[in-house]
Amino acid sequence: MTDTNKREIGAVGEKEAAEFLQRNGYTILKTNYRVGRLGEIDIIANEKEYTCFIEVKTRRTSTFGTPGEAVTRTKQQKIRQIATIYLTNTRKMDTKVRFDVIEILMDKSMGSANVKSINLIKNAF
């Protein structure tokens, strides 16, 4: 699979995840929040009293493990660092935070009609 295909699958997954979150009562604050070369957080959203930092992992197959298993300890540390920067910049250091993962499995062809499953893992790390 080419890098372009991976990016396309990721973009479709992030769009589906944002729509899923909104249908479930979340308010999307930011998508693709980037801090220089440190990295990015896919979705930042409010759910009740929580500011949620959400990593979206989209796959066409779970042959090599679940999508969420791809969120390594290193990736978790980067997300935490970026979240701290976001909270500092928005003066929300006293808010409750949560780190979630959304796993999306898709059929071989792309498009919203081809999403097989969406799994939200709250407090994933």
PDB file of N, CA and C in Angstrom:
ATOM      1  N   MET A   1       0.854  -1.178   0.000  1.00  0.00           N
ATOM      2  CA  MET A   1       0.000   0.000   0.000  1.00  0.00           C
ATOM      3  C   MET A   1       0.895   1.234   0.000  1.00  0.00           C
ATOM      4  N   THR A   2       0.577   2.180  -0.824  1.00  0.00           N
ATOM      5  CA  THR A   2       1.391   3.389  -0.928  1.00  0.00           C
ATOM      6  C   THR A   2       1.073   4.348   0.211  1.00  0.00           C
ATOM      7  N   ASP A   3       1.990   5.306   0.428  1.00  0.00           N
ATOM      8  CA  ASP A   3       1.761   6.323   1.451  1.00  0.00           C
ATOM      9  C   ASP A   3       0.500   7.120   1.160  1.00  0.00           C
ATOM     10  N   THR A   4       0.239   7.377  -0.127  1.00  0.00           N
ATOM     11  CA  THR A   4      -0.968   8.119  -0.505  1.00  0.00           C
ATOM     12  C   THR A   4      -2.210   7.352  -0.080  1.00  0.00           C
ATOM     13  N   ASN A   5      -2.238   6.048  -0.332  1.00  0.00           N
ATOM     14  CA  ASN A   5      -3.384   5.235   0.076  1.00  0.00           C
ATOM     15  C   ASN A   5      -3.554   5.252   1.586  1.00  0.00           C
ATOM     16  N   LYS A   6      -2.459   5.158   2.320  1.00  0.00           N
ATOM     17  CA  LYS A   6      -2.532   5.195   3.783  1.00  0.00           C
ATOM     18  C   LYS A   6      -3.101   6.525   4.255  1.00  0.00           C
ATOM     19  N   ARG A   7      -2.652   7.618   3.648  1.00  0.00           N
ATOM     20  CA  ARG A   7      -3.166   8.944   4.022  1.00  0.00           C
ATOM     21  C   ARG A   7      -4.650   9.061   3.703  1.00  0.00           C
ATOM     22  N   GLU A   8      -5.050   8.540   2.542  1.00  0.00           N
ATOM     23  CA  GLU A   8      -6.466   8.593   2.158  1.00  0.00           C
ATOM     24  C   GLU A   8      -7.323   7.800   3.138  1.00  0.00           C
ATOM     25  N   ILE A   9      -6.870   6.617   3.488  1.00  0.00           N
ATOM     26  CA  ILE A   9      -7.600   5.790   4.450  1.00  0.00           C
ATOM     27  C   ILE A   9      -7.669   6.508   5.792  1.00  0.00           C
ATOM     28  N   GLY A  10      -6.554   7.095   6.208  1.00  0.00           N
ATOM     29  CA  GLY A  10      -6.526   7.838   7.468  1.00  0.00           C
ATOM     30  C   GLY A  10      -7.475   9.017   7.458  1.00  0.00           C
ATOM     31  N   ALA A  11      -7.515   9.744   6.349  1.00  0.00           N
ATOM     32  CA  ALA A  11      -8.401  10.911   6.241  1.00  0.00           C
ATOM     33  C   ALA A  11      -9.866  10.491   6.292  1.00  0.00           C
ATOM     34  N   VAL A  12     -10.205   9.407   5.607  1.00  0.00           N
ATOM     35  CA  VAL A  12     -11.580   8.900   5.654  1.00  0.00           C
ATOM     36  C   VAL A  12     -11.919   8.478   7.079  1.00  0.00           C
ATOM     37  N   GLY A  13     -10.999   7.791   7.726  1.00  0.00           N
ATOM     38  CA  GLY A  13     -11.222   7.350   9.101  1.00  0.00           C
ATOM     39  C   GLY A  13     -11.427   8.507  10.061  1.00  0.00           C
ATOM     40  N   GLU A  14     -10.623   9.551   9.926  1.00  0.00           N
ATOM     41  CA  GLU A  14     -10.757  10.711  10.810  1.00  0.00           C
ATOM     42  C   GLU A  14     -12.090  11.419  10.592  1.00  0.00           C
ATOM     43  N   LYS A  15     -12.528  11.503   9.348  1.00  0.00           N
ATOM     44  CA  LYS A  15     -13.835  12.112   9.045  1.00  0.00           C
ATOM     45  C   LYS A  15     -14.950  11.285   9.674  1.00  0.00           C
ATOM     46  N   GLU A  16     -14.892   9.979   9.505  1.00  0.00           N
ATOM     47  CA  GLU A  16     -15.899   9.089  10.086  1.00  0.00           C
ATOM     48  C   GLU A  16     -15.891   9.179  11.611  1.00  0.00           C
ATOM     49  N   ALA A  17     -14.698   9.249  12.198  1.00  0.00           N
ATOM     50  CA  ALA A  17     -14.580   9.338  13.656  1.00  0.00           C
ATOM     51  C   ALA A  17     -15.211  10.624  14.177  1.00  0.00           C
ATOM     52  N   ALA A  18     -14.945  11.746  13.517  1.00  0.00           N
ATOM     53  CA  ALA A  18     -15.513  13.026  13.947  1.00  0.00           C
ATOM     54  C   ALA A  18     -17.037  12.988  13.876  1.00  0.00           C
ATOM     55  N   GLU A  19     -17.574  12.423  12.807  1.00  0.00           N
ATOM     56  CA  GLU A  19     -19.031  12.311  12.676  1.00  0.00           C
ATOM     57  C   GLU A  19     -19.609  11.403  13.752  1.00  0.00           C
ATOM     58  N   PHE A  20     -18.924  10.306  14.039  1.00  0.00           N
ATOM     59  CA  PHE A  20     -19.343   9.381  15.095  1.00  0.00           C
ATOM     60  C   PHE A  20     -19.377  10.091  16.445  1.00  0.00           C
ATOM     61  N   LEU A  21     -18.327  10.838  16.740  1.00  0.00           N
ATOM     62  CA  LEU A  21     -18.261  11.553  18.017  1.00  0.00           C
ATOM     63  C   LEU A  21     -19.396  12.569  18.130  1.00  0.00           C
ATOM     64  N   GLN A  22     -19.643  13.321  17.076  1.00  0.00           N
ATOM     65  CA  GLN A  22     -20.722  14.315  17.100  1.00  0.00           C
ATOM     66  C   GLN A  22     -22.080  13.651  17.304  1.00  0.00           C
ATOM     67  N   ARG A  23     -22.297  12.518  16.667  1.00  0.00           N
ATOM     68  CA  ARG A  23     -23.568  11.786  16.853  1.00  0.00           C
ATOM     69  C   ARG A  23     -23.723  11.310  18.292  1.00  0.00           C
ATOM     70  N   ASN A  24     -22.608  11.153  18.988  1.00  0.00           N
ATOM     71  CA  ASN A  24     -22.627  10.655  20.359  1.00  0.00           C
ATOM     72  C   ASN A  24     -22.414  11.754  21.393  1.00  0.00           C
ATOM     73  N   GLY A  25     -22.675  12.998  21.009  1.00  0.00           N
ATOM     74  CA  GLY A  25     -22.714  14.091  21.972  1.00  0.00           C
ATOM     75  C   GLY A  25     -21.419  14.840  22.215  1.00  0.00           C
ATOM     76  N   TYR A  26     -20.387  14.552  21.464  1.00  0.00           N
ATOM     77  CA  TYR A  26     -19.118  15.260  21.611  1.00  0.00           C
ATOM     78  C   TYR A  26     -19.167  16.565  20.819  1.00  0.00           C
ATOM     79  N   THR A  27     -18.426  17.547  21.300  1.00  0.00           N
ATOM     80  CA  THR A  27     -18.224  18.790  20.564  1.00  0.00           C
ATOM     81  C   THR A  27     -16.787  18.796  20.066  1.00  0.00           C
ATOM     82  N   ILE A  28     -16.599  18.846  18.768  1.00  0.00           N
ATOM     83  CA  ILE A  28     -15.255  18.846  18.187  1.00  0.00           C
ATOM     84  C   ILE A  28     -14.650  20.236  18.354  1.00  0.00           C
ATOM     85  N   LEU A  29     -13.469  20.294  18.976  1.00  0.00           N
ATOM     86  CA  LEU A  29     -12.759  21.558  19.162  1.00  0.00           C
ATOM     87  C   LEU A  29     -11.713  21.781  18.078  1.00  0.00           C
ATOM     88  N   LYS A  30     -10.957  20.745  17.770  1.00  0.00           N
ATOM     89  CA  LYS A  30      -9.876  20.827  16.777  1.00  0.00           C
ATOM     90  C   LYS A  30      -9.727  19.474  16.099  1.00  0.00           C
ATOM     91  N   THR A  31      -9.318  19.527  14.847  1.00  0.00           N
ATOM     92  CA  THR A  31      -8.899  18.307  14.163  1.00  0.00           C
ATOM     93  C   THR A  31      -7.485  18.543  13.638  1.00  0.00           C
ATOM     94  N   ASN A  32      -6.710  17.483  13.634  1.00  0.00           N
ATOM     95  CA  ASN A  32      -5.326  17.534  13.152  1.00  0.00           C
ATOM     96  C   ASN A  32      -4.548  18.676  13.805  1.00  0.00           C
ATOM     97  N   TYR A  33      -4.581  18.725  15.130  1.00  0.00           N
ATOM     98  CA  TYR A  33      -3.873  19.758  15.889  1.00  0.00           C
ATOM     99  C   TYR A  33      -2.384  19.423  15.901  1.00  0.00           C
ATOM    100  N   ARG A  34      -1.608  20.213  15.200  1.00  0.00           N
ATOM    101  CA  ARG A  34      -0.177  19.953  15.012  1.00  0.00           C
ATOM    102  C   ARG A  34       0.663  20.908  15.835  1.00  0.00           C
ATOM    103  N   VAL A  35       1.730  20.351  16.423  1.00  0.00           N
ATOM    104  CA  VAL A  35       2.726  21.151  17.131  1.00  0.00           C
ATOM    105  C   VAL A  35       4.073  20.882  16.467  1.00  0.00           C
ATOM    106  N   GLY A  36       4.445  21.768  15.556  1.00  0.00           N
ATOM    107  CA  GLY A  36       5.735  21.663  14.867  1.00  0.00           C
ATOM    108  C   GLY A  36       6.021  20.263  14.379  1.00  0.00           C
ATOM    109  N   ARG A  37       7.233  19.826  14.655  1.00  0.00           N
ATOM    110  CA  ARG A  37       7.643  18.482  14.242  1.00  0.00           C
ATOM    111  C   ARG A  37       7.347  17.425  15.294  1.00  0.00           C
ATOM    112  N   LEU A  38       6.820  17.864  16.438  1.00  0.00           N
ATOM    113  CA  LEU A  38       6.494  16.918  17.505  1.00  0.00           C
ATOM    114  C   LEU A  38       5.421  15.930  17.053  1.00  0.00           C
ATOM    115  N   GLY A  39       4.443  16.427  16.322  1.00  0.00           N
ATOM    116  CA  GLY A  39       3.380  15.550  15.836  1.00  0.00           C
ATOM    117  C   GLY A  39       2.033  16.220  15.915  1.00  0.00           C
ATOM    118  N   GLU A  40       0.992  15.395  15.839  1.00  0.00           N
ATOM    119  CA  GLU A  40      -0.359  15.946  15.870  1.00  0.00           C
ATOM    120  C   GLU A  40      -1.293  15.030  16.635  1.00  0.00           C
ATOM    121  N   ILE A  41      -2.382  15.638  17.083  1.00  0.00           N
ATOM    122  CA  ILE A  41      -3.490  14.896  17.680  1.00  0.00           C
ATOM    123  C   ILE A  41      -4.615  14.938  16.654  1.00  0.00           C
ATOM    124  N   ASP A  42      -5.193  13.775  16.374  1.00  0.00           N
ATOM    125  CA  ASP A  42      -6.214  13.693  15.326  1.00  0.00           C
ATOM    126  C   ASP A  42      -7.447  14.530  15.653  1.00  0.00           C
ATOM    127  N   ILE A  43      -7.986  14.345  16.864  1.00  0.00           N
ATOM    128  CA  ILE A  43      -9.205  15.066  17.247  1.00  0.00           C
ATOM    129  C   ILE A  43      -9.103  15.491  18.706  1.00  0.00           C
ATOM    130  N   ILE A  44      -9.468  16.740  18.961  1.00  0.00           N
ATOM    131  CA  ILE A  44      -9.632  17.230  20.326  1.00  0.00           C
ATOM    132  C   ILE A  44     -11.103  17.587  20.452  1.00  0.00           C
ATOM    133  N   ALA A  45     -11.752  17.048  21.492  1.00  0.00           N
ATOM    134  CA  ALA A  45     -13.197  17.241  21.633  1.00  0.00           C
ATOM    135  C   ALA A  45     -13.582  17.361  23.098  1.00  0.00           C
ATOM    136  N   ASN A  46     -14.738  17.961  23.335  1.00  0.00           N
ATOM    137  CA  ASN A  46     -15.322  17.992  24.674  1.00  0.00           C
ATOM    138  C   ASN A  46     -16.402  16.929  24.757  1.00  0.00           C
ATOM    139  N   GLU A  47     -16.384  16.203  25.866  1.00  0.00           N
ATOM    140  CA  GLU A  47     -17.473  15.292  26.189  1.00  0.00           C
ATOM    141  C   GLU A  47     -17.774  15.479  27.657  1.00  0.00           C
ATOM    142  N   LYS A  48     -18.924  16.055  27.941  1.00  0.00           N
ATOM    143  CA  LYS A  48     -19.308  16.432  29.298  1.00  0.00           C
ATOM    144  C   LYS A  48     -18.214  17.323  29.871  1.00  0.00           C
ATOM    145  N   GLU A  49     -17.641  16.933  31.022  1.00  0.00           N
ATOM    146  CA  GLU A  49     -16.634  17.795  31.654  1.00  0.00           C
ATOM    147  C   GLU A  49     -15.211  17.498  31.188  1.00  0.00           C
ATOM    148  N   TYR A  50     -15.053  16.617  30.233  1.00  0.00           N
ATOM    149  CA  TYR A  50     -13.728  16.196  29.782  1.00  0.00           C
ATOM    150  C   TYR A  50     -13.301  16.886  28.489  1.00  0.00           C
ATOM    151  N   THR A  51     -12.013  17.208  28.426  1.00  0.00           N
ATOM    152  CA  THR A  51     -11.375  17.520  27.155  1.00  0.00           C
ATOM    153  C   THR A  51     -10.710  16.219  26.724  1.00  0.00           C
ATOM    154  N   CYS A  52     -11.120  15.705  25.577  1.00  0.00           N
ATOM    155  CA  CYS A  52     -10.660  14.402  25.103  1.00  0.00           C
ATOM    156  C   CYS A  52      -9.670  14.577  23.956  1.00  0.00           C
ATOM    157  N   PHE A  53      -8.564  13.891  24.075  1.00  0.00           N
ATOM    158  CA  PHE A  53      -7.546  13.867  23.032  1.00  0.00           C
ATOM    159  C   PHE A  53      -7.648  12.489  22.389  1.00  0.00           C
ATOM    160  N   ILE A  54      -7.998  12.481  21.113  1.00  0.00           N
ATOM    161  CA  ILE A  54      -8.423  11.239  20.475  1.00  0.00           C
ATOM    162  C   ILE A  54      -7.514  10.900  19.298  1.00  0.00           C
ATOM    163  N   GLU A  55      -6.950   9.714  19.359  1.00  0.00           N
ATOM    164  CA  GLU A  55      -6.147   9.173  18.266  1.00  0.00           C
ATOM    165  C   GLU A  55      -7.039   8.242  17.454  1.00  0.00           C
ATOM    166  N   VAL A  56      -7.070   8.439  16.150  1.00  0.00           N
ATOM    167  CA  VAL A  56      -7.895   7.618  15.260  1.00  0.00           C
ATOM    168  C   VAL A  56      -6.975   6.675  14.492  1.00  0.00           C
ATOM    169  N   LYS A  57      -7.302   5.393  14.542  1.00  0.00           N
ATOM    170  CA  LYS A  57      -6.551   4.396  13.782  1.00  0.00           C
ATOM    171  C   LYS A  57      -7.518   3.651  12.870  1.00  0.00           C
ATOM    172  N   THR A  58      -7.246   3.719  11.596  1.00  0.00           N
ATOM    173  CA  THR A  58      -8.116   3.111  10.590  1.00  0.00           C
ATOM    174  C   THR A  58      -7.340   2.030   9.850  1.00  0.00           C
ATOM    175  N   ARG A  59      -7.976   0.882   9.695  1.00  0.00           N
ATOM    176  CA  ARG A  59      -7.352  -0.234   8.991  1.00  0.00           C
ATOM    177  C   ARG A  59      -8.379  -0.900   8.089  1.00  0.00           C
ATOM    178  N   ARG A  60      -7.880  -1.600   7.106  1.00  0.00           N
ATOM    179  CA  ARG A  60      -8.743  -2.416   6.239  1.00  0.00           C
ATOM    180  C   ARG A  60      -8.807  -3.854   6.726  1.00  0.00           C
ATOM    181  N   THR A  61      -7.891  -4.216   7.601  1.00  0.00           N
ATOM    182  CA  THR A  61      -7.857  -5.579   8.119  1.00  0.00           C
ATOM    183  C   THR A  61      -7.281  -5.563   9.532  1.00  0.00           C
ATOM    184  N   SER A  62      -7.658  -6.553  10.312  1.00  0.00           N
ATOM    185  CA  SER A  62      -7.066  -6.680  11.647  1.00  0.00           C
ATOM    186  C   SER A  62      -6.112  -7.871  11.691  1.00  0.00           C
ATOM    187  N   THR A  63      -5.637  -8.280  10.529  1.00  0.00           N
ATOM    188  CA  THR A  63      -4.720  -9.413  10.420  1.00  0.00           C
ATOM    189  C   THR A  63      -3.493  -9.236  11.306  1.00  0.00           C
ATOM    190  N   PHE A  64      -2.993  -8.005  11.382  1.00  0.00           N
ATOM    191  CA  PHE A  64      -1.777  -7.750  12.147  1.00  0.00           C
ATOM    192  C   PHE A  64      -2.085  -7.120  13.500  1.00  0.00           C
ATOM    193  N   GLY A  65      -3.289  -7.322  13.998  1.00  0.00           N
ATOM    194  CA  GLY A  65      -3.698  -6.761  15.281  1.00  0.00           C
ATOM    195  C   GLY A  65      -4.765  -5.702  15.094  1.00  0.00           C
ATOM    196  N   THR A  66      -5.329  -5.284  16.209  1.00  0.00           N
ATOM    197  CA  THR A  66      -6.377  -4.262  16.142  1.00  0.00           C
ATOM    198  C   THR A  66      -5.756  -2.915  15.807  1.00  0.00           C
ATOM    199  N   PRO A  67      -6.540  -2.012  15.255  1.00  0.00           N
ATOM    200  CA  PRO A  67      -5.997  -0.683  14.959  1.00  0.00           C
ATOM    201  C   PRO A  67      -5.417  -0.002  16.201  1.00  0.00           C
ATOM    202  N   GLY A  68      -6.090  -0.159  17.329  1.00  0.00           N
ATOM    203  CA  GLY A  68      -5.627   0.484  18.559  1.00  0.00           C
ATOM    204  C   GLY A  68      -4.265   0.006  19.034  1.00  0.00           C
ATOM    205  N   GLU A  69      -3.903  -1.208  18.672  1.00  0.00           N
ATOM    206  CA  GLU A  69      -2.596  -1.730  19.068  1.00  0.00           C
ATOM    207  C   GLU A  69      -1.456  -0.979  18.395  1.00  0.00           C
ATOM    208  N   ALA A  70      -1.777  -0.210  17.369  1.00  0.00           N
ATOM    209  CA  ALA A  70      -0.758   0.585  16.677  1.00  0.00           C
ATOM    210  C   ALA A  70      -0.424   1.875  17.424  1.00  0.00           C
ATOM    211  N   VAL A  71      -1.151   2.162  18.499  1.00  0.00           N
ATOM    212  CA  VAL A  71      -0.849   3.351  19.305  1.00  0.00           C
ATOM    213  C   VAL A  71       0.204   2.936  20.332  1.00  0.00           C
ATOM    214  N   THR A  72       1.445   3.083  19.934  1.00  0.00           N
ATOM    215  CA  THR A  72       2.570   2.628  20.749  1.00  0.00           C
ATOM    216  C   THR A  72       2.798   3.542  21.948  1.00  0.00           C
ATOM    217  N   ARG A  73       3.624   3.085  22.864  1.00  0.00           N
ATOM    218  CA  ARG A  73       3.978   3.895  24.034  1.00  0.00           C
ATOM    219  C   ARG A  73       4.608   5.222  23.596  1.00  0.00           C
ATOM    220  N   THR A  74       5.444   5.181  22.574  1.00  0.00           N
ATOM    221  CA  THR A  74       6.063   6.411  22.055  1.00  0.00           C
ATOM    222  C   THR A  74       5.001   7.365  21.530  1.00  0.00           C
ATOM    223  N   LYS A  75       4.026   6.848  20.787  1.00  0.00           N
ATOM    224  CA  LYS A  75       2.936   7.679  20.266  1.00  0.00           C
ATOM    225  C   LYS A  75       2.115   8.255  21.420  1.00  0.00           C
ATOM    226  N   GLN A  76       1.868   7.462  22.434  1.00  0.00           N
ATOM    227  CA  GLN A  76       1.126   7.930  23.609  1.00  0.00           C
ATOM    228  C   GLN A  76       1.855   9.091  24.288  1.00  0.00           C
ATOM    229  N   GLN A  77       3.167   8.961  24.432  1.00  0.00           N
ATOM    230  CA  GLN A  77       3.954  10.035  25.057  1.00  0.00           C
ATOM    231  C   GLN A  77       3.876  11.315  24.236  1.00  0.00           C
ATOM    232  N   LYS A  78       3.958  11.194  22.920  1.00  0.00           N
ATOM    233  CA  LYS A  78       3.862  12.382  22.059  1.00  0.00           C
ATOM    234  C   LYS A  78       2.488  13.036  22.181  1.00  0.00           C
ATOM    235  N   ILE A  79       1.445  12.219  22.210  1.00  0.00           N
ATOM    236  CA  ILE A  79       0.092  12.763  22.355  1.00  0.00           C
ATOM    237  C   ILE A  79      -0.032  13.500  23.682  1.00  0.00           C
ATOM    238  N   ARG A  80       0.519  12.935  24.746  1.00  0.00           N
ATOM    239  CA  ARG A  80       0.476  13.610  26.056  1.00  0.00           C
ATOM    240  C   ARG A  80       1.214  14.950  26.008  1.00  0.00           C
ATOM    241  N   GLN A  81       2.371  14.977  25.366  1.00  0.00           N
ATOM    242  CA  GLN A  81       3.136  16.227  25.248  1.00  0.00           C
ATOM    243  C   GLN A  81       2.348  17.280  24.470  1.00  0.00           C
ATOM    244  N   ILE A  82       1.768  16.873  23.362  1.00  0.00           N
ATOM    245  CA  ILE A  82       0.996  17.807  22.541  1.00  0.00           C
ATOM    246  C   ILE A  82      -0.240  18.277  23.305  1.00  0.00           C
ATOM    247  N   ALA A  83      -0.871  17.376  24.046  1.00  0.00           N
ATOM    248  CA  ALA A  83      -2.043  17.744  24.848  1.00  0.00           C
ATOM    249  C   ALA A  83      -1.676  18.797  25.889  1.00  0.00           C
ATOM    250  N   THR A  84      -0.526  18.634  26.528  1.00  0.00           N
ATOM    251  CA  THR A  84      -0.076  19.617  27.520  1.00  0.00           C
ATOM    252  C   THR A  84       0.127  20.978  26.869  1.00  0.00           C
ATOM    253  N   ILE A  85       0.711  20.993  25.693  1.00  0.00           N
ATOM    254  CA  ILE A  85       0.908  22.258  24.964  1.00  0.00           C
ATOM    255  C   ILE A  85      -0.443  22.878  24.624  1.00  0.00           C
ATOM    256  N   TYR A  86      -1.376  22.065  24.143  1.00  0.00           N
ATOM    257  CA  TYR A  86      -2.714  22.573  23.812  1.00  0.00           C
ATOM    258  C   TYR A  86      -3.381  23.170  25.051  1.00  0.00           C
ATOM    259  N   LEU A  87      -3.340  22.444  26.162  1.00  0.00           N
ATOM    260  CA  LEU A  87      -3.988  22.917  27.394  1.00  0.00           C
ATOM    261  C   LEU A  87      -3.344  24.203  27.895  1.00  0.00           C
ATOM    262  N   THR A  88      -2.031  24.306  27.774  1.00  0.00           N
ATOM    263  CA  THR A  88      -1.324  25.528  28.177  1.00  0.00           C
ATOM    264  C   THR A  88      -1.725  26.693  27.273  1.00  0.00           C
ATOM    265  N   ASN A  89      -1.720  26.467  25.979  1.00  0.00           N
ATOM    266  CA  ASN A  89      -2.044  27.529  25.017  1.00  0.00           C
ATOM    267  C   ASN A  89      -3.486  28.010  25.123  1.00  0.00           C
ATOM    268  N   THR A  90      -4.382  27.118  25.528  1.00  0.00           N
ATOM    269  CA  THR A  90      -5.800  27.484  25.628  1.00  0.00           C
ATOM    270  C   THR A  90      -6.207  27.808  27.065  1.00  0.00           C
ATOM    271  N   ARG A  91      -5.226  27.817  27.954  1.00  0.00           N
ATOM    272  CA  ARG A  91      -5.456  28.128  29.378  1.00  0.00           C
ATOM    273  C   ARG A  91      -6.517  27.217  29.998  1.00  0.00           C
ATOM    274  N   LYS A  92      -6.404  25.939  29.703  1.00  0.00           N
ATOM    275  CA  LYS A  92      -7.349  24.947  30.236  1.00  0.00           C
ATOM    276  C   LYS A  92      -6.634  23.919  31.111  1.00  0.00           C
ATOM    277  N   MET A  93      -5.595  24.345  31.812  1.00  0.00           N
ATOM    278  CA  MET A  93      -4.792  23.405  32.590  1.00  0.00           C
ATOM    279  C   MET A  93      -5.575  22.752  33.730  1.00  0.00           C
ATOM    280  N   ASP A  94      -6.680  23.353  34.148  1.00  0.00           N
ATOM    281  CA  ASP A  94      -7.439  22.789  35.265  1.00  0.00           C
ATOM    282  C   ASP A  94      -8.600  21.898  34.811  1.00  0.00           C
ATOM    283  N   THR A  95      -8.684  21.612  33.531  1.00  0.00           N
ATOM    284  CA  THR A  95      -9.777  20.787  33.010  1.00  0.00           C
ATOM    285  C   THR A  95      -9.471  19.301  33.199  1.00  0.00           C
ATOM    286  N   LYS A  96     -10.508  18.494  33.251  1.00  0.00           N
ATOM    287  CA  LYS A  96     -10.327  17.042  33.275  1.00  0.00           C
ATOM    288  C   LYS A  96      -9.982  16.606  31.855  1.00  0.00           C
ATOM    289  N   VAL A  97      -9.009  15.719  31.738  1.00  0.00           N
ATOM    290  CA  VAL A  97      -8.609  15.252  30.408  1.00  0.00           C
ATOM    291  C   VAL A  97      -8.749  13.740  30.311  1.00  0.00           C
ATOM    292  N   ARG A  98      -8.875  13.304  29.077  1.00  0.00           N
ATOM    293  CA  ARG A  98      -8.976  11.878  28.808  1.00  0.00           C
ATOM    294  C   ARG A  98      -8.306  11.606  27.467  1.00  0.00           C
ATOM    295  N   PHE A  99      -7.658  10.461  27.384  1.00  0.00           N
ATOM    296  CA  PHE A  99      -6.991  10.049  26.153  1.00  0.00           C
ATOM    297  C   PHE A  99      -7.723   8.821  25.606  1.00  0.00           C
ATOM    298  N   ASP A 100      -8.343   8.997  24.454  1.00  0.00           N
ATOM    299  CA  ASP A 100      -9.156   7.953  23.842  1.00  0.00           C
ATOM    300  C   ASP A 100      -8.542   7.512  22.518  1.00  0.00           C
ATOM    301  N   VAL A 101      -8.948   6.338  22.084  1.00  0.00           N
ATOM    302  CA  VAL A 101      -8.575   5.834  20.764  1.00  0.00           C
ATOM    303  C   VAL A 101      -9.858   5.405  20.062  1.00  0.00           C
ATOM    304  N   ILE A 102      -9.968   5.750  18.806  1.00  0.00           N
ATOM    305  CA  ILE A 102     -11.063   5.240  17.976  1.00  0.00           C
ATOM    306  C   ILE A 102     -10.453   4.304  16.944  1.00  0.00           C
ATOM    307  N   GLU A 103     -10.962   3.068  16.951  1.00  0.00           N
ATOM    308  CA  GLU A 103     -10.537   2.067  15.977  1.00  0.00           C
ATOM    309  C   GLU A 103     -11.606   1.973  14.890  1.00  0.00           C
ATOM    310  N   ILE A 104     -11.168   2.060  13.654  1.00  0.00           N
ATOM    311  CA  ILE A 104     -12.100   1.940  12.534  1.00  0.00           C
ATOM    312  C   ILE A 104     -11.602   0.838  11.606  1.00  0.00           C
ATOM    313  N   LEU A 105     -12.485  -0.106  11.325  1.00  0.00           N
ATOM    314  CA  LEU A 105     -12.200  -1.138  10.329  1.00  0.00           C
ATOM    315  C   LEU A 105     -13.065  -0.863   9.113  1.00  0.00           C
ATOM    316  N   MET A 106     -12.434  -0.891   7.945  1.00  0.00           N
ATOM    317  CA  MET A 106     -13.135  -0.606   6.692  1.00  0.00           C
ATOM    318  C   MET A 106     -13.055  -1.808   5.772  1.00  0.00           C
ATOM    319  N   ASP A 107     -14.000  -1.854   4.834  1.00  0.00           N
ATOM    320  CA  ASP A 107     -13.921  -2.839   3.762  1.00  0.00           C
ATOM    321  C   ASP A 107     -12.747  -2.466   2.865  1.00  0.00           C
ATOM    322  N   LYS A 108     -12.467  -3.303   1.904  1.00  0.00           N
ATOM    323  CA  LYS A 108     -11.345  -3.056   0.993  1.00  0.00           C
ATOM    324  C   LYS A 108     -11.509  -1.770   0.201  1.00  0.00           C
ATOM    325  N   SER A 109     -12.741  -1.458  -0.222  1.00  0.00           N
ATOM    326  CA  SER A 109     -12.962  -0.202  -0.938  1.00  0.00           C
ATOM    327  C   SER A 109     -13.247   0.891   0.080  1.00  0.00           C
ATOM    328  N   MET A 110     -12.972   2.139  -0.292  1.00  0.00           N
ATOM    329  CA  MET A 110     -13.120   3.235   0.655  1.00  0.00           C
ATOM    330  C   MET A 110     -14.475   3.907   0.510  1.00  0.00           C
ATOM    331  N   GLY A 111     -14.817   4.670   1.550  1.00  0.00           N
ATOM    332  CA  GLY A 111     -16.063   5.421   1.550  1.00  0.00           C
ATOM    333  C   GLY A 111     -16.861   5.123   2.797  1.00  0.00           C
ATOM    334  N   SER A 112     -17.701   6.053   3.194  1.00  0.00           N
ATOM    335  CA  SER A 112     -18.420   5.904   4.455  1.00  0.00           C
ATOM    336  C   SER A 112     -19.341   4.688   4.458  1.00  0.00           C
ATOM    337  N   ALA A 113     -19.829   4.293   3.297  1.00  0.00           N
ATOM    338  CA  ALA A 113     -20.704   3.124   3.233  1.00  0.00           C
ATOM    339  C   ALA A 113     -19.932   1.845   3.511  1.00  0.00           C
ATOM    340  N   ASN A 114     -18.614   1.923   3.517  1.00  0.00           N
ATOM    341  CA  ASN A 114     -17.792   0.730   3.666  1.00  0.00           C
ATOM    342  C   ASN A 114     -17.121   0.612   5.027  1.00  0.00           C
ATOM    343  N   VAL A 115     -17.555   1.414   5.996  1.00  0.00           N
ATOM    344  CA  VAL A 115     -17.027   1.278   7.352  1.00  0.00           C
ATOM    345  C   VAL A 115     -17.674   0.048   7.973  1.00  0.00           C
ATOM    346  N   LYS A 116     -16.845  -0.915   8.384  1.00  0.00           N
ATOM    347  CA  LYS A 116     -17.373  -2.129   9.002  1.00  0.00           C
ATOM    348  C   LYS A 116     -17.668  -1.908  10.477  1.00  0.00           C
ATOM    349  N   SER A 117     -16.753  -1.221  11.171  1.00  0.00           N
ATOM    350  CA  SER A 117     -16.968  -1.009  12.602  1.00  0.00           C
ATOM    351  C   SER A 117     -16.204   0.211  13.091  1.00  0.00           C
ATOM    352  N   ILE A 118     -16.784   0.842  14.115  1.00  0.00           N
ATOM    353  CA  ILE A 118     -16.132   1.943  14.819  1.00  0.00           C
ATOM    354  C   ILE A 118     -16.174   1.591  16.294  1.00  0.00           C
ATOM    355  N   ASN A 119     -15.012   1.587  16.926  1.00  0.00           N
ATOM    356  CA  ASN A 119     -14.908   1.237  18.339  1.00  0.00           C
ATOM    357  C   ASN A 119     -14.209   2.369  19.080  1.00  0.00           C
ATOM    358  N   LEU A 120     -14.910   2.974  20.031  1.00  0.00           N
ATOM    359  CA  LEU A 120     -14.336   4.036  20.855  1.00  0.00           C
ATOM    360  C   LEU A 120     -13.810   3.422  22.137  1.00  0.00           C
ATOM    361  N   ILE A 121     -12.528   3.614  22.398  1.00  0.00           N
ATOM    362  CA  ILE A 121     -11.910   3.138  23.634  1.00  0.00           C
ATOM    363  C   ILE A 121     -11.629   4.359  24.496  1.00  0.00           C
ATOM    364  N   LYS A 122     -12.468   4.565  25.521  1.00  0.00           N
ATOM    365  CA  LYS A 122     -12.265   5.691  26.433  1.00  0.00           C
ATOM    366  C   LYS A 122     -11.150   5.340  27.409  1.00  0.00           C
ATOM    367  N   ASN A 123     -10.395   6.348  27.822  1.00  0.00           N
ATOM    368  CA  ASN A 123      -9.271   6.142  28.746  1.00  0.00           C
ATOM    369  C   ASN A 123      -8.328   5.059  28.238  1.00  0.00           C
ATOM    370  N   ALA A 124      -8.000   5.113  26.968  1.00  0.00           N
ATOM    371  CA  ALA A 124      -7.167   4.077  26.354  1.00  0.00           C
ATOM    372  C   ALA A 124      -5.753   4.047  26.934  1.00  0.00           C
ATOM    373  N   PHE A 125      -5.287   5.222  27.379  1.00  0.00           N
ATOM    374  CA  PHE A 125      -3.958   5.278  27.996  1.00  0.00           C
ATOM    375  C   PHE A 125      -3.869   6.460  28.914  1.00  0.00           C
TER     376      PHE A 125
END
